N, C-alpha and C. Protein backbone atom coordinates (compact mmCIF):
# COMPACT_ATOMS: atom_id res chain seq x y z
N UNK A 1 32.48 -29.76 14.77
CA UNK A 1 31.64 -30.47 13.90
C UNK A 1 30.40 -29.53 13.61
N UNK A 2 30.10 -29.33 12.37
CA UNK A 2 28.83 -28.59 11.91
C UNK A 2 27.71 -29.55 11.66
N UNK A 3 26.64 -29.05 12.12
CA UNK A 3 25.42 -29.80 11.92
C UNK A 3 24.19 -29.01 11.32
N UNK A 4 23.68 -29.57 10.36
CA UNK A 4 22.41 -29.02 9.73
C UNK A 4 21.48 -30.13 9.90
N UNK A 5 20.47 -29.89 10.56
CA UNK A 5 19.32 -30.99 10.68
C UNK A 5 18.25 -30.55 9.70
N UNK A 6 17.79 -31.43 8.87
CA UNK A 6 16.56 -31.35 8.08
C UNK A 6 15.58 -32.34 8.87
N UNK A 7 14.46 -31.71 9.42
CA UNK A 7 13.57 -32.45 10.13
C UNK A 7 12.20 -32.33 9.49
N UNK A 8 11.44 -33.42 9.85
CA UNK A 8 10.03 -33.41 9.45
C UNK A 8 9.14 -33.42 10.72
N UNK A 9 8.26 -32.55 10.60
CA UNK A 9 7.29 -32.45 11.67
C UNK A 9 5.95 -33.00 11.35
N UNK A 10 5.33 -33.76 12.32
CA UNK A 10 4.00 -34.21 12.16
C UNK A 10 3.31 -33.66 13.43
N UNK A 11 1.94 -33.74 13.38
CA UNK A 11 1.21 -33.28 14.47
C UNK A 11 1.44 -34.12 15.81
N UNK A 12 1.72 -35.31 15.60
CA UNK A 12 2.01 -36.22 16.82
C UNK A 12 3.54 -36.30 17.23
N UNK A 13 4.35 -35.71 16.43
CA UNK A 13 5.80 -35.74 16.89
C UNK A 13 6.69 -35.17 15.88
N UNK A 14 8.01 -35.47 16.16
CA UNK A 14 9.01 -34.99 15.31
C UNK A 14 9.87 -36.20 14.84
N UNK A 15 10.25 -36.24 13.63
CA UNK A 15 11.28 -37.15 13.01
C UNK A 15 12.37 -36.47 12.42
N UNK A 16 13.55 -37.02 12.67
CA UNK A 16 14.83 -36.40 12.03
C UNK A 16 14.96 -37.04 10.76
N UNK A 17 14.96 -36.24 9.65
CA UNK A 17 15.29 -36.77 8.32
C UNK A 17 16.74 -37.04 8.04
N UNK A 18 17.50 -35.97 8.31
CA UNK A 18 19.00 -36.02 7.98
C UNK A 18 19.79 -35.06 9.01
N UNK A 19 20.84 -35.72 9.46
CA UNK A 19 21.85 -34.85 10.19
C UNK A 19 23.15 -34.76 9.35
N UNK A 20 23.44 -33.47 8.98
CA UNK A 20 24.68 -33.32 8.11
C UNK A 20 25.83 -32.77 8.97
N UNK A 21 26.81 -33.53 9.11
CA UNK A 21 27.99 -33.04 9.85
C UNK A 21 28.93 -32.15 8.96
N UNK A 22 29.86 -31.62 9.49
CA UNK A 22 30.80 -30.67 8.83
C UNK A 22 31.49 -31.25 7.58
N UNK A 23 31.87 -32.58 7.69
CA UNK A 23 32.46 -33.13 6.55
C UNK A 23 31.52 -33.34 5.37
N UNK A 24 30.18 -33.28 5.74
CA UNK A 24 29.25 -33.60 4.62
C UNK A 24 28.91 -32.25 4.02
N UNK A 25 29.42 -31.12 4.56
CA UNK A 25 29.20 -29.85 4.04
C UNK A 25 30.57 -29.03 3.75
N UNK A 26 31.32 -29.64 2.67
CA UNK A 26 32.55 -29.00 2.47
C UNK A 26 32.33 -27.48 1.96
N UNK A 27 32.86 -26.54 2.67
CA UNK A 27 32.93 -25.15 2.18
C UNK A 27 34.28 -24.63 2.13
N UNK A 28 34.53 -23.97 0.98
CA UNK A 28 35.80 -23.23 0.82
C UNK A 28 35.76 -21.92 1.37
N UNK A 29 36.69 -21.62 2.32
CA UNK A 29 36.69 -20.24 3.06
C UNK A 29 36.98 -19.15 1.94
N UNK A 30 36.03 -18.15 1.74
CA UNK A 30 36.19 -17.12 0.74
C UNK A 30 37.36 -16.20 1.04
N UNK A 31 37.88 -16.19 2.24
CA UNK A 31 39.11 -15.43 2.70
C UNK A 31 40.31 -16.07 2.15
N UNK A 32 40.27 -17.37 1.85
CA UNK A 32 41.44 -18.04 1.29
C UNK A 32 41.58 -17.91 -0.19
N UNK A 33 40.54 -17.31 -0.80
CA UNK A 33 40.63 -17.23 -2.22
C UNK A 33 41.20 -15.77 -2.64
N UNK A 34 41.80 -15.67 -3.80
CA UNK A 34 42.50 -14.53 -4.32
C UNK A 34 41.59 -13.20 -4.28
N UNK A 35 40.39 -13.46 -4.91
CA UNK A 35 39.34 -12.44 -4.99
C UNK A 35 38.16 -12.76 -4.24
N UNK A 36 37.51 -11.70 -3.63
CA UNK A 36 36.38 -12.01 -2.84
C UNK A 36 35.12 -11.82 -3.71
N UNK A 37 34.35 -12.97 -3.74
CA UNK A 37 33.17 -13.05 -4.57
C UNK A 37 31.89 -13.06 -3.73
N UNK A 38 32.03 -12.81 -2.45
CA UNK A 38 30.93 -12.87 -1.54
C UNK A 38 30.38 -14.31 -1.37
N UNK A 39 29.23 -14.34 -0.78
CA UNK A 39 28.66 -15.66 -0.40
C UNK A 39 28.45 -16.55 -1.67
N UNK A 40 28.25 -15.94 -2.78
CA UNK A 40 28.05 -16.79 -4.12
C UNK A 40 29.32 -17.47 -4.44
N UNK A 41 30.40 -16.91 -4.03
CA UNK A 41 31.78 -17.36 -4.25
C UNK A 41 32.25 -18.43 -3.39
N UNK A 42 31.49 -18.85 -2.43
CA UNK A 42 31.83 -19.91 -1.51
C UNK A 42 31.80 -21.24 -2.17
N UNK A 43 32.91 -21.82 -2.44
CA UNK A 43 33.08 -23.22 -3.10
C UNK A 43 32.68 -24.38 -2.17
N UNK A 44 32.73 -25.52 -2.94
CA UNK A 44 32.43 -26.82 -2.15
C UNK A 44 31.19 -27.32 -2.46
N UNK A 45 30.87 -28.55 -2.16
CA UNK A 45 29.61 -29.27 -2.40
C UNK A 45 28.59 -29.09 -1.35
N UNK A 46 28.64 -28.15 -0.48
CA UNK A 46 27.75 -28.03 0.62
C UNK A 46 26.25 -27.77 0.13
N UNK A 47 26.05 -27.01 -0.96
CA UNK A 47 24.79 -26.72 -1.47
C UNK A 47 24.08 -27.98 -1.92
N UNK A 48 24.81 -28.76 -2.63
CA UNK A 48 24.26 -30.04 -3.13
C UNK A 48 23.90 -30.96 -2.04
N UNK A 49 24.75 -31.02 -0.98
CA UNK A 49 24.47 -31.89 0.17
C UNK A 49 23.20 -31.56 0.78
N UNK A 50 22.91 -30.21 1.10
CA UNK A 50 21.73 -29.78 1.77
C UNK A 50 20.64 -30.02 0.83
N UNK A 51 20.70 -29.79 -0.51
CA UNK A 51 19.56 -29.94 -1.41
C UNK A 51 19.17 -31.38 -1.51
N UNK A 52 20.14 -32.27 -1.64
CA UNK A 52 19.85 -33.73 -1.80
C UNK A 52 19.14 -34.30 -0.50
N UNK A 53 19.60 -33.79 0.74
CA UNK A 53 19.05 -34.30 1.92
C UNK A 53 17.60 -33.69 2.01
N UNK A 54 17.35 -32.64 1.61
CA UNK A 54 16.09 -31.95 1.70
C UNK A 54 15.01 -32.59 0.78
N UNK A 55 15.59 -32.92 -0.46
CA UNK A 55 14.61 -33.66 -1.31
C UNK A 55 14.37 -35.15 -0.94
N UNK A 56 15.34 -35.70 -0.40
CA UNK A 56 15.23 -37.09 0.08
C UNK A 56 14.23 -37.26 1.26
N UNK A 57 14.36 -36.23 2.21
CA UNK A 57 13.39 -36.17 3.29
C UNK A 57 11.95 -35.86 2.80
N UNK A 58 11.75 -34.97 1.85
CA UNK A 58 10.40 -34.70 1.27
C UNK A 58 9.85 -35.88 0.75
N UNK A 59 10.67 -36.72 -0.04
CA UNK A 59 10.21 -37.96 -0.69
C UNK A 59 9.85 -38.99 0.40
N UNK A 60 10.59 -39.13 1.47
CA UNK A 60 10.41 -40.10 2.44
C UNK A 60 9.24 -39.90 3.39
N UNK A 61 8.85 -38.69 3.52
CA UNK A 61 7.71 -38.25 4.45
C UNK A 61 6.79 -37.40 3.56
N UNK A 62 6.09 -38.04 2.68
CA UNK A 62 5.08 -37.14 1.81
C UNK A 62 3.97 -36.60 2.70
N UNK A 63 3.86 -35.20 2.53
CA UNK A 63 2.87 -34.64 3.23
C UNK A 63 3.33 -34.02 4.58
N UNK A 64 4.56 -34.46 5.01
CA UNK A 64 5.23 -33.92 6.23
C UNK A 64 5.70 -32.47 5.95
N UNK A 65 5.83 -31.77 6.97
CA UNK A 65 6.37 -30.42 6.94
C UNK A 65 7.94 -30.60 7.08
N UNK A 66 8.73 -30.11 6.14
CA UNK A 66 10.12 -30.25 6.24
C UNK A 66 10.72 -28.95 6.72
N UNK A 67 11.48 -28.94 7.84
CA UNK A 67 12.09 -27.76 8.40
C UNK A 67 13.55 -28.04 8.59
N UNK A 68 14.38 -27.18 8.29
CA UNK A 68 15.79 -27.27 8.37
C UNK A 68 16.16 -26.54 9.77
N UNK A 69 17.05 -27.18 10.50
CA UNK A 69 17.62 -26.61 11.81
C UNK A 69 19.02 -26.43 11.65
N UNK A 70 19.57 -25.20 11.89
CA UNK A 70 21.00 -24.98 11.75
C UNK A 70 21.58 -24.84 13.12
N UNK A 71 22.56 -25.56 13.56
CA UNK A 71 23.28 -25.57 14.81
C UNK A 71 24.17 -24.28 14.65
N UNK A 72 23.72 -23.10 15.10
CA UNK A 72 24.56 -21.91 14.88
C UNK A 72 25.94 -21.85 15.53
N UNK A 73 26.04 -22.62 16.65
CA UNK A 73 27.30 -22.57 17.42
C UNK A 73 28.39 -23.45 16.65
N UNK A 74 27.88 -24.28 15.67
CA UNK A 74 28.97 -25.14 14.95
C UNK A 74 29.47 -24.56 13.78
N UNK A 75 29.05 -23.27 13.43
CA UNK A 75 29.53 -22.72 12.23
C UNK A 75 30.21 -21.39 12.48
N UNK A 76 31.09 -21.06 11.55
CA UNK A 76 31.76 -19.70 11.64
C UNK A 76 30.70 -18.77 11.03
N UNK A 77 30.63 -17.51 11.28
CA UNK A 77 29.65 -16.47 10.77
C UNK A 77 29.55 -16.55 9.31
N UNK A 78 30.64 -16.53 8.50
CA UNK A 78 30.48 -16.60 7.09
C UNK A 78 29.78 -17.91 6.54
N UNK A 79 29.88 -19.04 7.24
CA UNK A 79 29.39 -20.33 6.86
C UNK A 79 27.89 -20.19 7.31
N UNK A 80 27.56 -19.76 8.50
CA UNK A 80 26.17 -19.65 8.93
C UNK A 80 25.38 -18.75 7.93
N UNK A 81 25.97 -17.64 7.64
CA UNK A 81 25.36 -16.71 6.63
C UNK A 81 24.99 -17.46 5.35
N UNK A 82 26.09 -18.08 4.83
CA UNK A 82 26.01 -18.69 3.41
C UNK A 82 24.84 -19.74 3.55
N UNK A 83 24.81 -20.60 4.50
CA UNK A 83 23.81 -21.69 4.56
C UNK A 83 22.44 -21.11 4.79
N UNK A 84 22.32 -20.15 5.64
CA UNK A 84 20.98 -19.51 5.92
C UNK A 84 20.45 -18.71 4.58
N UNK A 85 21.35 -18.19 3.90
CA UNK A 85 20.92 -17.51 2.58
C UNK A 85 20.56 -18.57 1.54
N UNK A 86 21.25 -19.58 1.55
CA UNK A 86 20.91 -20.68 0.64
C UNK A 86 19.59 -21.26 0.90
N UNK A 87 19.33 -21.62 2.13
CA UNK A 87 18.06 -22.07 2.62
C UNK A 87 16.95 -21.26 2.20
N UNK A 88 17.13 -19.78 2.50
CA UNK A 88 16.14 -18.83 2.13
C UNK A 88 15.94 -18.86 0.60
N UNK A 89 16.98 -18.88 -0.28
CA UNK A 89 16.88 -18.95 -1.65
C UNK A 89 16.08 -20.12 -2.25
N UNK A 90 16.23 -21.19 -1.52
CA UNK A 90 15.62 -22.58 -1.88
C UNK A 90 14.19 -22.67 -1.33
N UNK A 91 13.77 -21.63 -0.62
CA UNK A 91 12.50 -21.65 0.07
C UNK A 91 12.33 -22.81 1.08
N UNK A 92 13.39 -23.13 1.77
CA UNK A 92 13.48 -24.22 2.70
C UNK A 92 13.17 -23.49 4.06
N UNK A 93 12.16 -23.87 4.79
CA UNK A 93 11.92 -23.21 6.03
C UNK A 93 12.89 -23.67 7.02
N UNK A 94 13.25 -22.63 7.93
CA UNK A 94 14.20 -22.86 8.98
C UNK A 94 13.42 -22.85 10.22
N UNK A 95 13.82 -23.62 11.35
CA UNK A 95 13.22 -23.59 12.60
C UNK A 95 14.18 -23.53 13.74
N UNK A 96 13.76 -23.16 14.91
CA UNK A 96 14.66 -22.98 16.05
C UNK A 96 14.34 -24.28 16.91
N UNK A 97 15.26 -24.64 17.73
CA UNK A 97 15.05 -25.79 18.61
C UNK A 97 13.61 -26.12 19.18
N UNK A 98 13.03 -24.88 19.74
CA UNK A 98 11.71 -25.06 20.32
C UNK A 98 10.71 -25.48 19.32
N UNK A 99 10.97 -25.30 18.01
CA UNK A 99 9.95 -25.67 17.03
C UNK A 99 9.80 -27.19 16.83
N UNK A 100 10.79 -27.96 17.32
CA UNK A 100 10.82 -29.37 17.11
C UNK A 100 10.53 -30.21 18.42
N UNK A 101 10.44 -29.53 19.53
CA UNK A 101 10.14 -30.27 20.74
C UNK A 101 8.88 -29.80 21.39
């Protein structure tokens, strides 16, 4: 199971905005495609799922700091790299577990 957590931090605590499991992040393996298009060529609706979750969390917690956490052990390296690059492109801050507790 793949998990991307979009969390909202406040001074007094941490709230979880969304937990996205692997089935919520459909990604097509680029190695299964005839031509290698790199990370931009990874198909599936995973970018949209992350973007919608992020925007919904921002709306639900106005003024909160929204940080994404990526469970690295749950992803293959190509998936982890694609998600990390997408979060960076979208200017979505990423945190480590110790940032949330």
